[in-house]
Amino acid sequence: MRPVWLLLAMATLTVGVYGQTDPAPASVLQVDFSNPGISPPRWTLVLHPDGTGHFRTDRDKPSPDEAVPAGLPDVNRDIQVSARFAEYVFQMAKRKNMFNQECETNQKLAFQGWKTFTYIGPEGKGSCRFNYAKDKDIQALGDSLVAVAETILEGARLESLLQHDRLGLDKEMEYLGEAAADGRIRQICTIRGILERLEDDPDVLDRVRKRARALLAQSEK
């Protein structure tokens, strides 16, 4: 996983021997999340204006006698969000001055995890860090991006269960349906691959296949 500065350095390279003018840097938004009280305790989400991106988790390596929690595999993969969601993310970054502001509220609120937004693009660059943002739009954006990350993590759990515990898929798919209804997961399109596998797998419970089909239908809306 390349850091934002390297991604942007690559994006701005020009073929100088041909006398071309340096192109404007490509826009990139990186979200770094950390909460030592949950697993995984850290993750990074990188998004581009076309909806492409990358997601990876980062957890401390367990000691030799410590087992990795079941159902929580490491994730390091490319993703694709919808064009509408990508447009929302990057329009918000521009509206909020590339996050060049103090984001954290002065109110005493429960710890939800640190979110760090880092934006670099042709308009400039900026960054801010918050547990709970005083700007309601930035807080809503943070909630949305955390929900996307949770969707990707759920997709990884489904892949693990399909391989190691097919009966466990029933409960996990029930949770996914509830979470999709109340907004705890968003951008179901990021896990389309595993949902299609479940829908087409005759060896999983029929309830699992039906729930996968229903979630896929939601991802097309």
Protein backbone atom coordinates (compact mmCIF):
# COMPACT_ATOMS: atom_id res chain seq x y z
CA MET A 1 0.00 0.00 0.00
CA ARG A 2 1.65 3.23 -1.11
CA PRO A 3 1.23 6.33 1.07
CA VAL A 4 -0.65 9.34 -0.31
CA TRP A 5 2.50 11.36 -0.99
CA LEU A 6 3.91 8.61 -3.18
CA LEU A 7 0.64 8.11 -5.04
CA LEU A 8 0.50 11.81 -5.84
CA ALA A 9 4.16 11.98 -6.80
CA MET A 10 3.54 9.24 -9.32
CA ALA A 11 0.39 10.96 -10.57
CA THR A 12 2.25 14.21 -11.25
CA LEU A 13 5.22 12.73 -13.11
CA THR A 14 5.64 14.14 -16.61
CA VAL A 15 7.60 13.05 -19.66
CA GLY A 16 9.96 15.99 -19.53
CA VAL A 17 12.08 14.93 -22.49
CA TYR A 18 9.12 15.68 -24.73
CA GLY A 19 8.72 19.17 -23.38
CA GLN A 20 5.25 18.55 -21.96
CA THR A 21 3.80 20.75 -19.24
CA ASP A 22 3.39 19.15 -15.84
CA PRO A 23 -0.22 17.95 -15.47
CA ALA A 24 -2.33 18.95 -12.51
CA PRO A 25 -1.98 16.50 -9.61
CA ALA A 26 -4.67 13.87 -9.38
CA SER A 27 -7.08 14.21 -6.48
CA VAL A 28 -6.76 11.70 -3.66
CA LEU A 29 -8.55 11.40 -0.34
CA GLN A 30 -7.05 9.18 2.33
CA VAL A 31 -8.87 8.25 5.53
CA ASP A 32 -6.88 6.79 8.41
CA PHE A 33 -8.88 5.30 11.27
CA SER A 34 -7.66 4.12 14.64
CA ASN A 35 -9.42 2.72 17.70
CA PRO A 36 -7.40 0.38 19.92
CA GLY A 37 -10.60 -0.93 21.52
CA ILE A 38 -11.83 -2.75 18.41
CA SER A 39 -10.45 -5.21 15.88
CA PRO A 40 -8.91 -4.36 13.54
CA PRO A 41 -7.64 -1.32 15.47
CA ARG A 42 -6.48 0.56 12.38
CA TRP A 43 -7.43 0.81 8.75
CA THR A 44 -6.70 3.06 5.76
CA LEU A 45 -9.07 3.89 2.91
CA VAL A 46 -7.86 5.70 -0.21
CA LEU A 47 -10.34 7.03 -2.79
CA HIS A 48 -10.04 8.64 -6.22
CA PRO A 49 -12.67 10.76 -8.03
CA ASP A 50 -13.54 7.89 -10.40
CA GLY A 51 -14.56 5.71 -7.45
CA THR A 52 -11.50 3.47 -7.51
CA GLY A 53 -9.57 3.06 -4.31
CA HIS A 54 -7.75 0.80 -1.91
CA PHE A 55 -8.46 -0.48 1.58
CA ARG A 56 -6.14 -2.13 4.06
CA THR A 57 -6.23 -3.04 7.72
CA ASP A 58 -3.31 -2.72 10.08
CA ARG A 59 -3.14 -4.69 13.29
CA ASP A 60 -0.30 -5.52 15.62
CA LYS A 61 1.10 -8.97 14.95
CA PRO A 62 -0.04 -11.44 17.61
CA SER A 63 2.50 -13.20 19.78
CA PRO A 64 3.25 -16.85 18.88
CA ASP A 65 0.83 -18.11 21.55
CA GLU A 66 -1.93 -15.61 20.70
CA ALA A 67 -4.63 -16.57 18.23
CA VAL A 68 -5.95 -14.07 15.69
CA PRO A 69 -9.66 -13.40 16.42
CA ALA A 70 -11.89 -15.63 14.31
CA GLY A 71 -13.75 -14.00 11.46
CA LEU A 72 -11.46 -10.96 11.32
CA PRO A 73 -8.96 -11.58 8.51
CA ASP A 74 -6.52 -8.93 7.39
CA VAL A 75 -7.68 -7.00 4.34
CA ASN A 76 -5.54 -5.42 1.63
CA ARG A 77 -7.41 -4.92 -1.62
CA ASP A 78 -8.53 -2.57 -4.35
CA ILE A 79 -12.14 -1.39 -4.16
CA GLN A 80 -14.72 0.44 -6.27
CA VAL A 81 -17.39 2.75 -4.87
CA SER A 82 -20.26 4.21 -6.89
CA ALA A 83 -19.75 7.32 -9.02
CA ARG A 84 -22.39 9.13 -6.95
CA PHE A 85 -20.63 8.39 -3.68
CA ALA A 86 -17.23 9.40 -5.06
CA GLU A 87 -18.72 12.67 -6.28
CA TYR A 88 -20.17 13.33 -2.82
CA VAL A 89 -16.82 12.68 -1.14
CA PHE A 90 -14.77 14.96 -3.38
CA GLN A 91 -17.35 17.72 -3.54
CA MET A 92 -17.40 17.75 0.25
CA ALA A 93 -13.61 17.98 0.35
CA LYS A 94 -13.72 21.07 -1.85
CA ARG A 95 -16.60 22.63 0.07
CA LYS A 96 -14.71 22.20 3.33
CA ASN A 97 -11.50 23.82 2.01
CA MET A 98 -9.69 20.49 1.65
CA PHE A 99 -10.20 19.99 5.42
CA ASN A 100 -7.89 22.85 6.30
CA GLN A 101 -9.57 23.47 9.62
CA GLU A 102 -9.79 22.29 13.19
CA CYS A 103 -12.33 19.48 12.94
CA GLU A 104 -12.61 18.15 16.50
CA THR A 105 -15.50 19.37 18.62
CA ASN A 106 -14.94 20.86 22.07
CA GLN A 107 -17.79 18.78 23.49
CA LYS A 108 -17.12 15.79 25.70
CA LEU A 109 -18.43 12.89 23.64
CA ALA A 110 -17.90 9.14 23.65
CA PHE A 111 -14.82 7.92 21.82
CA GLN A 112 -15.71 6.58 18.37
CA GLY A 113 -12.23 6.28 16.90
CA TRP A 114 -9.86 8.82 15.41
CA LYS A 115 -10.51 9.70 11.78
CA THR A 116 -7.83 11.58 9.83
CA PHE A 117 -8.81 13.03 6.45
CA THR A 118 -5.93 13.87 4.10
CA TYR A 119 -6.77 15.49 0.76
CA ILE A 120 -4.38 16.42 -2.03
CA GLY A 121 -5.50 17.69 -5.42
CA PRO A 122 -5.17 20.46 -8.01
CA GLU A 123 -6.92 22.91 -5.67
CA GLY A 124 -4.47 22.33 -2.84
CA LYS A 125 -4.08 20.02 0.11
CA GLY A 126 -5.22 19.76 3.68
CA SER A 127 -5.81 17.44 6.60
CA CYS A 128 -7.74 17.26 9.84
CA ARG A 129 -8.22 14.72 12.63
CA PHE A 130 -11.26 14.14 14.79
CA ASN A 131 -13.13 11.75 17.00
CA TYR A 132 -16.37 13.69 16.57
CA ALA A 133 -16.39 16.66 14.18
CA LYS A 134 -17.91 19.98 15.13
CA ASP A 135 -18.94 20.48 11.48
CA LYS A 136 -22.02 18.33 10.88
CA ASP A 137 -21.13 17.76 7.20
CA ILE A 138 -17.64 16.51 8.04
CA GLN A 139 -19.09 14.28 10.76
CA ALA A 140 -21.62 12.87 8.27
CA LEU A 141 -18.83 12.24 5.77
CA GLY A 142 -16.83 10.46 8.46
CA ASP A 143 -19.82 8.31 9.37
CA SER A 144 -20.30 7.39 5.70
CA LEU A 145 -16.67 6.44 5.18
CA VAL A 146 -16.59 4.36 8.37
CA ALA A 147 -19.72 2.57 7.12
CA VAL A 148 -17.97 1.84 3.80
CA ALA A 149 -15.01 0.40 5.70
CA GLU A 150 -17.36 -1.75 7.76
CA THR A 151 -18.91 -3.05 4.53
CA ILE A 152 -15.51 -4.06 3.19
CA LEU A 153 -14.65 -5.76 6.48
CA GLU A 154 -17.96 -7.62 6.41
CA GLY A 155 -17.15 -8.81 2.91
CA ALA A 156 -13.86 -10.21 4.18
CA ARG A 157 -15.70 -11.97 7.03
CA LEU A 158 -18.09 -13.54 4.54
CA GLU A 159 -15.18 -14.83 2.47
CA SER A 160 -13.63 -16.35 5.59
CA LEU A 161 -16.91 -17.95 6.67
CA LEU A 162 -17.54 -19.35 3.20
CA GLN A 163 -14.18 -21.09 3.41
CA HIS A 164 -14.18 -22.18 7.05
CA ASP A 165 -17.70 -22.02 8.54
CA ARG A 166 -20.56 -22.09 6.05
CA LEU A 167 -23.17 -22.42 8.79
CA GLY A 168 -21.93 -19.13 10.27
CA LEU A 169 -22.95 -17.35 7.09
CA ASP A 170 -26.61 -17.37 8.12
CA LYS A 171 -26.13 -15.15 11.17
CA GLU A 172 -23.65 -12.87 9.40
CA MET A 173 -26.00 -12.32 6.46
CA GLU A 174 -28.84 -11.55 8.86
CA TYR A 175 -26.65 -8.87 10.45
CA LEU A 176 -25.74 -7.47 7.03
CA GLY A 177 -29.37 -7.08 6.09
CA GLU A 178 -30.10 -5.19 9.31
CA ALA A 179 -26.96 -3.05 8.99
CA ALA A 180 -27.78 -2.12 5.40
CA ALA A 181 -31.27 -1.02 6.49
CA ASP A 182 -30.05 1.33 9.23
CA GLY A 183 -26.94 2.67 7.50
CA ARG A 184 -24.23 0.87 9.46
CA ILE A 185 -22.93 -0.45 6.15
CA ARG A 186 -22.92 1.49 2.89
CA GLN A 187 -21.71 1.01 -0.65
CA ILE A 188 -22.60 -2.66 -0.88
CA CYS A 189 -21.07 -2.55 -4.37
CA THR A 190 -17.66 -2.87 -2.69
CA ILE A 191 -18.47 -6.49 -1.77
CA ARG A 192 -20.41 -7.46 -4.87
CA GLY A 193 -18.00 -10.29 -5.66
CA ILE A 194 -18.58 -12.31 -2.49
CA LEU A 195 -22.33 -11.66 -2.57
CA GLU A 196 -22.53 -13.01 -6.12
CA ARG A 197 -20.59 -16.09 -5.05
CA LEU A 198 -23.04 -16.69 -2.19
CA GLU A 199 -26.07 -16.14 -4.40
CA ASP A 200 -24.83 -18.77 -6.86
CA ASP A 201 -23.53 -21.32 -4.34
CA PRO A 202 -25.91 -24.32 -4.01
CA ASP A 203 -24.00 -25.56 -0.97
CA VAL A 204 -24.97 -22.66 1.33
CA LEU A 205 -28.33 -22.27 3.07
CA ASP A 206 -31.17 -20.99 0.91
CA ARG A 207 -31.68 -18.10 3.37
CA VAL A 208 -28.10 -17.01 2.74
CA ARG A 209 -28.62 -17.05 -1.02
CA LYS A 210 -31.83 -15.04 -0.74
CA ARG A 211 -30.23 -12.44 1.53
CA ALA A 212 -27.27 -12.15 -0.84
CA ARG A 213 -29.69 -11.60 -3.72
CA ALA A 214 -31.54 -8.90 -1.76
CA LEU A 215 -28.30 -7.08 -0.89
CA LEU A 216 -27.16 -7.22 -4.51
CA ALA A 217 -30.44 -5.61 -5.54
CA GLN A 218 -29.78 -2.80 -3.05
CA SER A 219 -26.29 -2.28 -4.45
CA GLU A 220 -27.78 -1.43 -7.83
CA LYS A 221 -29.95 1.40 -6.51
